[in-house]
N, C-alpha and C. Protein backbone atom coordinates (compact mmCIF):
# COMPACT_ATOMS: atom_id res chain seq x y z
N MET A 1 42.20 -43.52 54.73
CA MET A 1 42.02 -43.72 55.57
C MET A 1 41.39 -45.60 55.48
N ALA A 2 41.49 -46.12 56.72
CA ALA A 2 41.59 -47.59 57.29
C ALA A 2 40.66 -48.56 56.76
N SER A 3 40.97 -49.35 55.67
CA SER A 3 39.32 -50.05 55.31
C SER A 3 38.98 -50.96 57.09
N LEU A 4 37.56 -51.00 56.50
CA LEU A 4 36.76 -51.21 57.93
C LEU A 4 37.02 -52.71 57.68
N VAL A 5 37.36 -52.87 59.08
CA VAL A 5 37.69 -54.92 59.21
C VAL A 5 36.42 -55.19 60.66
N ILE A 6 35.50 -55.75 60.43
CA ILE A 6 34.92 -56.57 61.83
C ILE A 6 34.88 -57.93 61.79
N PRO A 7 35.30 -58.53 62.71
CA PRO A 7 35.32 -59.71 62.61
C PRO A 7 33.74 -60.30 62.61
N SER A 8 33.39 -61.59 61.54
CA SER A 8 32.54 -62.31 60.96
C SER A 8 31.51 -61.42 60.52
N ALA A 9 32.21 -60.31 59.55
CA ALA A 9 30.43 -59.32 59.50
C ALA A 9 30.97 -59.57 57.76
N VAL A 10 29.82 -58.75 56.94
CA VAL A 10 30.25 -58.51 55.88
C VAL A 10 28.59 -57.20 55.69
N GLN A 11 29.46 -56.54 54.43
CA GLN A 11 28.01 -55.41 54.66
C GLN A 11 27.18 -55.55 52.87
N VAL A 12 26.23 -55.33 53.43
CA VAL A 12 24.75 -55.45 52.39
C VAL A 12 24.55 -54.45 52.08
N ARG A 13 24.92 -53.71 50.55
CA ARG A 13 24.84 -52.68 50.09
C ARG A 13 23.66 -52.86 48.99
N LEU A 14 22.53 -51.90 49.21
CA LEU A 14 21.29 -51.91 48.51
C LEU A 14 21.38 -50.15 47.80
N HIS A 15 21.83 -50.42 46.34
CA HIS A 15 21.89 -49.36 45.47
C HIS A 15 21.16 -49.06 44.68
N TRP A 16 20.22 -47.28 45.04
CA TRP A 16 19.17 -46.53 44.35
C TRP A 16 19.76 -45.40 43.67
N THR A 17 18.83 -45.55 42.89
CA THR A 17 18.70 -43.89 42.03
C THR A 17 17.44 -43.43 42.76
N LEU A 18 17.61 -41.80 43.18
CA LEU A 18 16.55 -41.27 43.36
C LEU A 18 16.21 -39.98 42.67
N ASN A 19 15.56 -39.85 41.36
CA ASN A 19 15.32 -38.63 40.97
C ASN A 19 16.88 -38.62 40.02
N GLY A 20 17.76 -39.91 39.59
CA GLY A 20 18.85 -39.28 38.76
C GLY A 20 20.47 -39.63 39.83
N VAL A 21 19.87 -39.20 41.44
CA VAL A 21 20.65 -39.61 42.43
C VAL A 21 21.16 -40.73 42.65
N ASP A 22 22.27 -41.14 42.53
CA ASP A 22 22.92 -42.65 43.04
C ASP A 22 22.56 -42.48 44.51
N CYS A 23 22.05 -43.10 45.79
CA CYS A 23 21.91 -43.37 46.91
C CYS A 23 21.88 -44.94 47.31
N PHE A 24 22.47 -45.05 48.69
CA PHE A 24 22.58 -46.56 48.93
C PHE A 24 22.15 -46.99 50.23
N ASN A 25 21.44 -47.66 50.81
CA ASN A 25 21.73 -47.96 52.04
C ASN A 25 22.55 -49.58 52.44
N VAL A 26 23.55 -49.08 53.56
CA VAL A 26 24.59 -50.10 53.85
C VAL A 26 23.87 -50.82 55.02
N LEU A 27 23.37 -52.15 54.80
CA LEU A 27 23.31 -52.94 56.10
C LEU A 27 24.12 -54.01 56.49
N GLY A 28 24.29 -54.34 57.61
CA GLY A 28 25.48 -55.25 58.35
C GLY A 28 25.19 -56.67 58.04
N GLY A 29 25.84 -57.76 58.24
CA GLY A 29 25.71 -59.11 58.29
C GLY A 29 26.30 -60.09 59.18
N SER A 30 26.40 -60.70 59.79
CA SER A 30 27.10 -61.80 60.55
C SER A 30 27.30 -62.77 59.80
N VAL A 31 28.35 -64.01 60.01
CA VAL A 31 28.46 -65.00 59.28
C VAL A 31 29.56 -66.10 59.86
N ALA A 32 29.10 -67.11 58.98
CA ALA A 32 29.93 -67.65 60.20
C ALA A 32 31.16 -68.38 59.67
N GLY A 33 32.35 -68.80 59.91
CA GLY A 33 33.79 -68.98 59.70
C GLY A 33 33.98 -69.61 58.39
N GLY A 34 33.13 -70.40 57.48
CA GLY A 34 33.28 -70.93 56.39
C GLY A 34 32.53 -70.34 54.92
N PHE A 35 31.70 -69.17 55.38
CA PHE A 35 31.11 -68.46 54.56
C PHE A 35 32.46 -67.71 53.71
N ALA A 36 32.00 -68.03 52.25
CA ALA A 36 33.00 -67.45 51.59
C ALA A 36 32.31 -66.31 50.54
N ALA A 37 32.37 -65.23 50.44
CA ALA A 37 31.30 -64.39 49.56
C ALA A 37 31.88 -64.81 48.08
N SER A 38 30.96 -64.30 47.28
CA SER A 38 30.93 -64.51 45.77
C SER A 38 30.06 -63.56 45.06
N GLN A 39 30.02 -63.91 43.89
CA GLN A 39 29.43 -63.38 42.79
C GLN A 39 28.24 -64.60 43.01
N ALA A 40 28.19 -65.52 42.77
CA ALA A 40 26.61 -66.28 42.88
C ALA A 40 26.21 -66.42 44.32
N ILE A 41 26.73 -65.98 45.41
CA ILE A 41 25.58 -65.39 46.48
C ILE A 41 25.29 -64.44 46.50
N ALA A 42 26.04 -63.24 45.64
CA ALA A 42 25.49 -61.72 45.56
C ALA A 42 23.69 -61.35 44.46
N ASN A 43 24.26 -62.59 43.36
CA ASN A 43 23.13 -62.28 42.50
C ASN A 43 22.02 -62.66 43.04
N THR A 44 22.18 -64.32 43.84
CA THR A 44 20.78 -64.82 45.02
C THR A 44 20.16 -63.71 45.41
N ILE A 45 21.48 -63.12 46.61
CA ILE A 45 21.12 -62.38 47.08
C ILE A 45 20.23 -60.84 46.58
N GLY A 46 20.47 -60.75 45.68
CA GLY A 46 19.94 -59.00 44.93
C GLY A 46 18.77 -59.76 44.55
N ALA A 47 18.78 -60.61 43.74
CA ALA A 47 17.63 -61.08 42.99
C ALA A 47 16.33 -61.25 44.18
N ALA A 48 16.34 -61.93 44.80
CA ALA A 48 15.68 -61.83 46.16
C ALA A 48 15.20 -60.61 46.76
N ILE A 49 16.43 -59.66 47.01
CA ILE A 49 16.12 -57.80 47.26
C ILE A 49 15.11 -57.57 46.38
N LEU A 50 15.38 -57.15 45.03
CA LEU A 50 15.08 -56.76 44.36
C LEU A 50 13.57 -57.40 44.06
N GLY A 51 12.93 -58.30 44.13
CA GLY A 51 12.17 -59.23 44.05
C GLY A 51 11.19 -58.53 44.78
N ARG A 52 11.80 -58.23 46.64
CA ARG A 52 11.09 -58.38 47.42
C ARG A 52 10.41 -56.49 47.64
N PHE A 53 11.12 -55.38 47.09
CA PHE A 53 10.68 -54.42 46.63
C PHE A 53 9.35 -54.30 46.10
N THR A 54 9.03 -55.44 45.46
CA THR A 54 7.88 -55.30 44.90
C THR A 54 6.91 -55.87 45.64
N SER A 55 7.01 -57.19 45.74
CA SER A 55 6.18 -58.00 46.82
C SER A 55 5.73 -57.49 48.18
N SER A 56 6.48 -56.38 48.73
CA SER A 56 6.41 -55.94 50.17
C SER A 56 5.64 -54.85 49.94
N GLY A 57 5.20 -54.61 48.43
CA GLY A 57 3.65 -53.21 48.66
C GLY A 57 4.77 -52.00 48.45
N LEU A 58 6.15 -51.92 48.84
CA LEU A 58 6.81 -50.61 49.12
C LEU A 58 7.35 -50.11 47.52
N ALA A 59 7.21 -50.76 46.63
CA ALA A 59 7.49 -49.88 45.19
C ALA A 59 6.38 -49.51 44.81
N ALA A 60 5.00 -49.81 45.01
CA ALA A 60 3.86 -48.94 44.78
C ALA A 60 3.62 -47.77 45.35
N LEU A 61 4.58 -47.72 46.17
CA LEU A 61 4.44 -46.25 47.05
C LEU A 61 5.74 -45.18 46.80
N CYS A 62 6.26 -45.60 45.82
CA CYS A 62 7.32 -45.00 45.21
C CYS A 62 7.30 -44.33 43.96
N ALA A 63 8.03 -43.35 43.77
CA ALA A 63 7.78 -42.91 42.60
C ALA A 63 8.58 -43.60 41.57
N THR A 64 8.16 -43.32 39.88
CA THR A 64 8.80 -43.90 39.26
C THR A 64 10.16 -43.60 38.33
N THR A 65 10.26 -42.34 39.45
CA THR A 65 11.45 -41.98 39.03
C THR A 65 12.74 -42.60 40.36
N THR A 66 12.18 -43.87 40.88
CA THR A 66 12.82 -44.12 42.14
C THR A 66 12.90 -45.50 41.85
N SER A 67 14.08 -46.07 41.62
CA SER A 67 14.90 -47.23 41.32
C SER A 67 15.83 -48.05 42.27
N LEU A 68 15.20 -49.79 43.09
CA LEU A 68 16.41 -50.60 43.29
C LEU A 68 17.25 -50.84 42.10
N ILE A 69 18.52 -50.48 41.81
CA ILE A 69 19.57 -51.00 40.84
C ILE A 69 19.90 -52.11 41.42
N SER A 70 20.75 -52.38 42.23
CA SER A 70 21.32 -53.49 42.58
C SER A 70 22.00 -53.92 43.84
N VAL A 71 22.18 -54.91 44.48
CA VAL A 71 22.50 -55.21 45.71
C VAL A 71 24.09 -55.67 45.88
N GLY A 72 25.01 -54.71 46.67
CA GLY A 72 26.02 -55.67 46.81
C GLY A 72 26.64 -56.24 47.74
N LEU A 73 27.67 -56.94 47.59
CA LEU A 73 27.95 -58.01 48.94
C LEU A 73 29.09 -57.78 49.00
N ARG A 74 30.38 -57.57 50.58
CA ARG A 74 31.31 -57.30 50.49
C ARG A 74 31.36 -57.99 52.02
N ASP A 75 32.73 -58.65 51.94
CA ASP A 75 33.22 -59.57 52.73
C ASP A 75 34.46 -58.48 53.57
N ILE A 76 34.06 -58.09 54.74
CA ILE A 76 34.64 -57.45 55.90
C ILE A 76 35.47 -57.33 56.96
N ARG A 77 35.40 -59.02 57.14
CA ARG A 77 36.22 -59.83 58.04
C ARG A 77 37.96 -59.71 57.99
N THR A 78 38.20 -59.09 56.87
CA THR A 78 39.26 -58.82 55.96
C THR A 78 39.35 -57.38 55.25
N ALA A 79 40.83 -57.05 55.45
CA ALA A 79 40.51 -55.01 54.80
C ALA A 79 40.69 -55.75 53.07
N ASN A 80 40.02 -54.65 52.96
CA ASN A 80 40.22 -54.22 51.14
C ASN A 80 39.86 -55.32 50.23
N GLN A 81 38.67 -56.34 50.62
CA GLN A 81 37.89 -57.31 49.92
C GLN A 81 36.74 -56.37 48.95
N PRO A 82 36.73 -57.05 47.11
CA PRO A 82 36.18 -56.74 46.47
C PRO A 82 34.80 -56.52 47.06
N GLU A 83 33.76 -55.75 46.54
CA GLU A 83 32.37 -55.61 47.00
C GLU A 83 32.04 -57.08 44.99
N PHE A 84 31.34 -57.46 45.66
CA PHE A 84 29.90 -58.71 44.11
C PHE A 84 28.73 -57.85 44.59
N VAL A 85 28.35 -57.57 42.84
CA VAL A 85 27.68 -56.68 43.07
C VAL A 85 26.28 -57.45 41.93
N SER A 86 24.95 -57.49 42.19
CA SER A 86 24.13 -58.57 41.75
C SER A 86 23.64 -58.14 40.82
N VAL A 87 23.64 -58.95 38.90
CA VAL A 87 23.33 -58.53 37.88
C VAL A 87 21.97 -58.51 37.86
N ALA A 88 21.25 -58.93 38.78
CA ALA A 88 19.42 -58.49 38.11
C ALA A 88 19.01 -57.28 37.57
N ALA A 89 18.15 -57.26 36.40
CA ALA A 89 17.57 -55.66 35.96
C ALA A 89 17.68 -55.02 37.54
N ALA A 90 16.97 -53.67 36.94
CA ALA A 90 16.65 -53.16 38.06
C ALA A 90 14.97 -52.68 38.44
N VAL A 91 14.70 -52.57 39.55
CA VAL A 91 13.06 -52.59 39.71
C VAL A 91 12.79 -50.89 40.01
N PRO A 92 11.83 -50.66 39.52
CA PRO A 92 11.30 -49.03 39.38
C PRO A 92 10.26 -49.29 40.42
N GLY A 93 10.10 -47.96 40.94
CA GLY A 93 8.83 -47.70 41.52
C GLY A 93 7.44 -47.38 40.80
N THR A 94 6.43 -47.40 40.96
CA THR A 94 4.82 -47.84 40.36
C THR A 94 4.33 -46.60 40.82
N GLY A 95 4.43 -46.13 41.98
CA GLY A 95 3.77 -45.24 42.94
C GLY A 95 3.35 -44.26 41.55
N ALA A 96 1.88 -43.53 41.44
CA ALA A 96 1.46 -42.42 40.48
C ALA A 96 1.48 -40.92 41.33
N GLY A 97 2.27 -40.52 40.78
CA GLY A 97 2.28 -39.03 41.69
C GLY A 97 3.90 -38.85 41.51
N ASN A 98 3.86 -37.23 41.86
CA ASN A 98 5.21 -36.59 41.74
C ASN A 98 5.90 -37.25 43.00
N PRO A 99 7.50 -37.09 43.39
CA PRO A 99 8.51 -37.91 44.15
C PRO A 99 8.63 -36.61 44.87
N LEU A 100 8.40 -37.32 46.49
CA LEU A 100 9.08 -36.10 47.75
C LEU A 100 10.54 -36.13 47.50
N PRO A 101 10.68 -35.01 48.29
CA PRO A 101 12.05 -34.54 47.84
C PRO A 101 12.86 -35.84 48.39
N ASN A 102 14.19 -35.75 47.78
CA ASN A 102 14.94 -36.80 48.18
C ASN A 102 15.91 -37.14 49.90
N GLN A 103 15.86 -35.65 50.46
CA GLN A 103 16.55 -35.47 51.79
C GLN A 103 15.53 -36.25 52.59
N LEU A 104 14.03 -36.43 52.29
CA LEU A 104 13.08 -36.68 52.79
C LEU A 104 12.98 -38.32 53.35
N ALA A 105 13.19 -38.47 54.87
CA ALA A 105 13.59 -40.63 54.96
C ALA A 105 12.53 -40.49 56.22
N ALA A 106 11.94 -41.95 55.37
CA ALA A 106 11.10 -42.64 56.38
C ALA A 106 12.14 -43.62 57.24
N VAL A 107 12.65 -43.94 58.60
CA VAL A 107 13.13 -44.77 59.26
C VAL A 107 12.62 -45.70 60.08
N VAL A 108 13.63 -46.96 60.01
CA VAL A 108 13.56 -48.14 60.14
C VAL A 108 14.17 -48.16 61.57
N THR A 109 14.40 -48.41 62.41
CA THR A 109 15.00 -48.98 63.73
C THR A 109 15.47 -50.64 63.71
N LEU A 110 16.54 -50.76 63.66
CA LEU A 110 17.00 -52.27 63.67
C LEU A 110 17.55 -52.12 65.23
N ARG A 111 17.03 -53.37 65.72
CA ARG A 111 17.25 -53.79 67.27
C ARG A 111 18.10 -54.96 67.53
N THR A 112 18.69 -55.34 68.60
CA THR A 112 19.53 -56.31 68.81
C THR A 112 19.43 -56.79 70.53
N ALA A 113 19.62 -57.40 70.92
CA ALA A 113 19.47 -58.20 72.15
C ALA A 113 20.50 -57.23 73.30
N LEU A 114 21.22 -56.69 72.47
CA LEU A 114 22.05 -55.57 73.58
C LEU A 114 21.29 -54.10 73.92
N ALA A 115 21.45 -53.39 74.86
CA ALA A 115 20.80 -51.85 74.99
C ALA A 115 22.73 -51.27 74.76
N GLY A 116 22.41 -49.84 74.26
CA GLY A 116 23.24 -49.14 73.95
C GLY A 116 23.06 -48.19 72.41
N ARG A 117 23.83 -47.48 72.03
CA ARG A 117 23.84 -46.87 70.86
C ARG A 117 24.19 -47.44 69.82
N SER A 118 25.23 -48.32 70.19
CA SER A 118 26.37 -48.95 69.37
C SER A 118 25.58 -50.55 68.96
N PHE A 119 24.55 -50.75 69.58
CA PHE A 119 23.94 -52.12 69.31
C PHE A 119 22.48 -51.67 69.00
N ARG A 120 22.54 -50.19 67.86
CA ARG A 120 20.95 -49.93 67.61
C ARG A 120 21.42 -49.52 66.20
N GLY A 121 20.32 -49.96 65.29
CA GLY A 121 20.92 -49.77 64.00
C GLY A 121 19.37 -48.46 63.29
N ARG A 122 19.47 -48.23 62.36
CA ARG A 122 18.89 -47.11 61.46
C ARG A 122 18.98 -47.04 59.97
N ALA A 123 18.00 -47.83 59.36
CA ALA A 123 18.04 -47.83 58.14
C ALA A 123 17.25 -46.40 57.45
N TYR A 124 16.95 -45.76 56.89
CA TYR A 124 16.97 -44.74 55.88
C TYR A 124 16.40 -44.86 54.54
N PHE A 125 15.43 -44.60 54.53
CA PHE A 125 14.19 -45.02 53.15
C PHE A 125 14.07 -43.78 51.98
N SER A 126 14.45 -43.33 51.14
CA SER A 126 13.22 -42.35 50.49
C SER A 126 12.97 -42.46 48.73
N GLY A 127 12.22 -41.22 48.19
CA GLY A 127 12.29 -41.86 46.95
C GLY A 127 10.21 -41.93 46.88
N PHE A 128 9.93 -41.13 47.87
CA PHE A 128 8.21 -42.26 48.18
C PHE A 128 7.66 -41.07 47.24
N ILE A 129 6.07 -41.42 46.93
CA ILE A 129 5.27 -40.28 46.01
C ILE A 129 4.55 -39.59 47.33
N VAL A 130 4.41 -38.10 46.72
CA VAL A 130 3.48 -37.02 47.15
C VAL A 130 2.26 -37.79 48.63
N ALA A 131 1.69 -38.94 47.62
CA ALA A 131 0.71 -39.16 48.47
C ALA A 131 0.52 -39.98 49.87
N GLU A 132 2.37 -40.34 50.02
CA GLU A 132 2.88 -40.91 50.88
C GLU A 132 3.10 -40.03 52.58
N ASN A 133 2.81 -38.12 52.42
CA ASN A 133 2.79 -37.62 53.33
C ASN A 133 1.24 -37.55 53.39
N THR A 134 0.94 -36.71 54.94
CA THR A 134 -0.87 -36.96 54.92
C THR A 134 -0.83 -35.45 55.41
N ALA A 135 -1.75 -34.94 55.42
CA ALA A 135 -2.40 -32.95 55.38
C ALA A 135 -1.62 -32.83 56.38
N ALA A 136 -0.95 -33.24 57.49
CA ALA A 136 -0.31 -32.93 58.44
C ALA A 136 0.87 -33.25 58.43
N GLY A 137 1.75 -33.62 57.34
CA GLY A 137 3.27 -33.60 57.19
C GLY A 137 3.63 -34.86 58.03
N ALA A 138 2.70 -35.72 57.80
CA ALA A 138 3.49 -36.95 58.57
C ALA A 138 3.63 -38.44 57.49
N ILE A 139 3.87 -39.63 58.14
CA ILE A 139 4.51 -40.73 57.02
C ILE A 139 3.38 -41.26 57.01
N VAL A 140 2.33 -41.78 55.76
CA VAL A 140 0.93 -42.41 56.13
C VAL A 140 1.60 -43.84 56.63
N ALA A 141 0.91 -44.73 57.32
CA ALA A 141 0.97 -45.59 58.06
C ALA A 141 0.88 -46.82 57.17
N ALA A 142 0.81 -46.73 56.31
CA ALA A 142 0.75 -47.87 55.27
C ALA A 142 2.28 -48.13 54.46
N LEU A 143 3.01 -47.12 54.64
CA LEU A 143 4.11 -47.01 54.11
C LEU A 143 5.11 -47.44 54.83
N ASN A 144 5.06 -47.34 56.09
CA ASN A 144 5.85 -48.05 57.81
C ASN A 144 5.52 -49.20 57.55
N THR A 145 4.56 -49.58 57.36
CA THR A 145 4.01 -51.20 57.37
C THR A 145 4.82 -52.25 56.18
N ALA A 146 4.95 -51.20 55.16
CA ALA A 146 5.62 -51.66 53.73
C ALA A 146 6.92 -51.60 53.74
N LEU A 147 7.53 -50.38 54.49
CA LEU A 147 9.27 -50.27 54.94
C LEU A 147 9.24 -51.37 55.85
N VAL A 148 8.68 -51.87 56.81
CA VAL A 148 9.08 -53.28 57.76
C VAL A 148 9.04 -54.26 57.01
N THR A 149 8.16 -54.64 56.34
CA THR A 149 7.99 -55.81 55.88
C THR A 149 9.08 -56.13 54.93
N PHE A 150 9.55 -54.79 53.98
CA PHE A 150 10.65 -55.20 53.16
C PHE A 150 12.03 -55.30 53.76
N VAL A 151 12.23 -54.52 55.26
CA VAL A 151 13.44 -54.90 56.00
C VAL A 151 13.34 -56.12 56.31
N THR A 152 12.11 -56.70 56.54
CA THR A 152 12.19 -58.25 57.22
C THR A 152 12.62 -59.42 56.19
N ASN A 153 11.97 -58.97 54.88
CA ASN A 153 12.16 -59.81 54.07
C ASN A 153 13.64 -59.50 53.46
N ILE A 154 14.08 -59.38 53.73
CA ILE A 154 15.51 -58.71 53.72
C ILE A 154 16.44 -59.47 54.39
N GLN A 155 15.86 -59.21 55.84
CA GLN A 155 16.04 -60.42 56.96
C GLN A 155 16.30 -61.89 56.56
N THR A 156 15.48 -62.25 56.01
CA THR A 156 14.52 -63.80 55.65
C THR A 156 15.54 -64.11 54.20
N ASP A 157 16.11 -63.17 53.22
CA ASP A 157 16.59 -63.77 52.15
C ASP A 157 18.23 -64.21 52.57
N LEU A 158 18.33 -62.51 53.60
CA LEU A 158 19.93 -62.91 53.59
C LEU A 158 19.96 -64.25 54.90
N ALA A 159 19.35 -64.69 55.52
CA ALA A 159 19.23 -65.86 56.09
C ALA A 159 19.23 -66.83 55.39
N ALA A 160 18.78 -67.04 53.79
CA ALA A 160 18.41 -68.26 53.17
C ALA A 160 20.05 -68.42 52.36
N SER A 161 20.94 -67.57 52.57
CA SER A 161 22.27 -67.15 52.08
C SER A 161 23.48 -67.41 52.78
N ALA A 162 22.97 -67.48 54.35
CA ALA A 162 23.70 -67.84 55.52
C ALA A 162 24.35 -66.58 56.01
N VAL A 163 23.52 -65.63 55.79
CA VAL A 163 24.04 -64.24 56.28
C VAL A 163 22.64 -63.80 57.59
N THR A 164 23.40 -63.40 58.26
CA THR A 164 22.21 -62.79 59.54
C THR A 164 22.89 -61.53 59.39
N LEU A 165 21.08 -60.76 59.50
CA LEU A 165 21.01 -59.06 59.40
C LEU A 165 21.99 -58.61 60.55
N ALA A 166 22.38 -57.84 61.03
CA ALA A 166 22.89 -57.55 61.93
C ALA A 166 23.68 -56.34 61.95
N VAL A 167 23.62 -55.67 63.07
CA VAL A 167 24.05 -54.10 63.84
C VAL A 167 25.93 -54.04 63.54
N LEU A 168 26.30 -53.30 62.89
CA LEU A 168 27.66 -53.50 62.82
C LEU A 168 28.24 -52.34 63.91
N SER A 169 28.72 -52.41 65.39
CA SER A 169 29.83 -51.96 65.94
C SER A 169 31.24 -51.75 65.12
N ARG A 170 31.54 -50.48 64.89
CA ARG A 170 33.04 -50.32 64.43
C ARG A 170 34.01 -50.72 65.51
N PRO A 171 35.32 -50.86 64.93
CA PRO A 171 36.08 -51.14 66.09
C PRO A 171 36.46 -49.24 66.27
N PHE A 172 37.45 -49.55 67.91
CA PHE A 172 37.75 -47.94 68.64
C PHE A 172 39.35 -48.42 68.82
N PRO A 173 40.29 -47.64 68.72
CA PRO A 173 41.88 -48.14 68.61
C PRO A 173 41.43 -47.71 70.56
N GLY A 174 41.28 -47.13 71.10
CA GLY A 174 41.49 -46.53 72.37
C GLY A 174 41.69 -45.34 72.32
N ARG A 175 42.21 -44.39 73.88
CA ARG A 175 42.49 -43.08 73.54
C ARG A 175 43.51 -43.26 75.14
N THR A 176 44.58 -42.49 75.32
CA THR A 176 45.63 -42.45 75.83
C THR A 176 45.25 -41.36 77.28
N THR A 177 45.07 -40.71 76.03
CA THR A 177 44.87 -38.95 76.59
C THR A 177 43.64 -38.66 77.70
N PRO A 178 43.73 -38.44 78.80
CA PRO A 178 42.29 -38.10 79.64
C PRO A 178 41.15 -37.30 78.54
N PRO A 179 39.94 -38.08 78.47
CA PRO A 179 39.22 -39.28 79.42
C PRO A 179 40.13 -40.50 78.58
N VAL A 180 40.78 -41.05 79.14
CA VAL A 180 41.17 -42.69 79.32
C VAL A 180 39.99 -43.60 78.43
N LEU A 181 40.26 -44.28 77.38
CA LEU A 181 39.10 -45.19 76.99
C LEU A 181 40.18 -46.33 76.23
N PRO A 182 39.68 -47.68 76.99
CA PRO A 182 40.41 -49.02 76.05
C PRO A 182 40.00 -48.98 74.98
N ALA A 183 40.81 -49.70 73.77
CA ALA A 183 40.30 -50.28 72.69
C ALA A 183 39.19 -51.24 72.94
N ARG A 184 38.24 -51.45 71.74
CA ARG A 184 37.49 -52.03 71.51
C ARG A 184 37.10 -52.91 70.04
N ALA A 185 37.17 -54.17 70.07
CA ALA A 185 37.28 -54.50 68.33
C ALA A 185 35.59 -54.29 67.80
N GLY A 186 35.83 -54.53 66.69
CA GLY A 186 34.69 -54.08 66.19
C GLY A 186 33.28 -55.92 66.49
N VAL A 187 32.29 -55.38 66.57
CA VAL A 187 31.42 -56.79 66.36
C VAL A 187 30.08 -56.95 65.69
N ALA A 188 30.14 -57.83 65.12
CA ALA A 188 28.61 -57.58 64.01
C ALA A 188 27.25 -58.51 65.15
N THR A 189 26.23 -58.13 65.72
CA THR A 189 25.10 -58.33 66.80
C THR A 189 24.23 -58.56 66.18
N PRO A 190 23.34 -59.65 66.17
CA PRO A 190 22.00 -60.54 64.79
C PRO A 190 20.88 -58.79 65.51
N VAL A 191 20.28 -58.51 64.81
CA VAL A 191 19.39 -57.89 64.74
C VAL A 191 17.95 -58.98 65.38
N THR A 192 17.13 -58.59 66.32
CA THR A 192 16.36 -58.66 66.72
C THR A 192 14.68 -58.26 66.78
N GLY A 193 14.80 -57.12 66.55
CA GLY A 193 13.29 -56.75 66.24
C GLY A 193 13.71 -55.31 65.00
N ILE A 194 12.74 -55.38 64.00
CA ILE A 194 12.95 -54.17 63.11
C ILE A 194 11.50 -53.35 62.81
N ILE A 195 11.13 -52.53 63.42
CA ILE A 195 10.04 -51.14 63.79
C ILE A 195 10.51 -50.11 63.14
N ALA A 196 8.81 -49.62 62.78
CA ALA A 196 9.09 -48.28 62.36
C ALA A 196 8.57 -47.60 63.73
N ARG A 197 9.13 -46.81 64.11
CA ARG A 197 9.11 -46.34 65.89
C ARG A 197 8.21 -44.82 65.51
N ASP A 198 7.64 -44.73 64.46
CA ASP A 198 7.03 -43.37 64.59
C ASP A 198 6.28 -43.25 62.93
N THR A 199 5.53 -42.18 62.76
CA THR A 199 5.44 -41.21 61.67
C THR A 199 5.80 -39.79 61.13
N LYS A 200 7.13 -39.85 62.08
CA LYS A 200 7.73 -38.53 61.91
C LYS A 200 8.65 -38.61 60.39
N TRP A 201 8.79 -37.94 59.49
CA TRP A 201 9.34 -37.72 58.50
C TRP A 201 10.98 -36.98 59.11
N ASP A 202 12.12 -37.89 58.67
CA ASP A 202 13.59 -37.68 59.10
C ASP A 202 13.99 -37.21 57.36
N THR A 203 15.57 -36.33 57.85
CA THR A 203 15.88 -35.71 56.57
C THR A 203 17.65 -36.68 56.51
N GLN A 204 18.32 -36.94 55.35
CA GLN A 204 19.49 -37.82 55.17
C GLN A 204 20.19 -37.29 54.00
N ARG A 205 20.93 -36.26 54.74
CA ARG A 205 22.03 -35.66 53.46
C ARG A 205 23.18 -36.19 52.98
N ARG A 206 23.11 -37.49 53.43
CA ARG A 206 24.59 -37.85 52.85
C ARG A 206 24.26 -39.22 52.32
N ARG A 207 23.42 -39.36 51.21
CA ARG A 207 23.05 -40.15 50.73
C ARG A 207 24.07 -40.52 49.12
N LYS A 208 24.27 -39.39 48.80
CA LYS A 208 25.09 -39.63 47.49
C LYS A 208 26.31 -40.03 48.01
N GLN A 209 27.24 -41.09 47.37
CA GLN A 209 28.62 -41.40 47.14
C GLN A 209 28.85 -41.50 46.15
């Protein structure tokens, strides 16, 4: 598979372990032409985001078997660039109680100023304690609040390192057979809204990489 290339874009990867299983959230970012990804920037972003896991209140809602391990930064403006991974110590969850199943996820929606599926993003988070599931089988409202705070804080921390949180739309090579579709370049569209749309649990089975 060809390496993903999107003009003005980087990927920011949050590495978690959930009950011993490695899982990742991959977020997009847009950068200016003079930006150069480096170990120093990855360390700065990583230390900030690892700290936000606790300060947002999210760590207290996650099981002790959940840990935010590191944050990776990869420049995808050109192909096959290395990932710089933060070196700060992992931060575990501090919630009391058994963990919910790994595949059970709460979702945060990332909106941009543009309409259409390719201009909206979704981030799936897991690893919570059973107390975050109501008697009716719904997400406790405080969990959604903490998740939105966490992702909003990530947006702030990325901006401090000249990275704008963005939704990445993949390039499309076009199609010449009916229905004929034109080629389009990939694009990084800045995020303008971060919301938890409802209290319904979702599932994410493709979290292990």
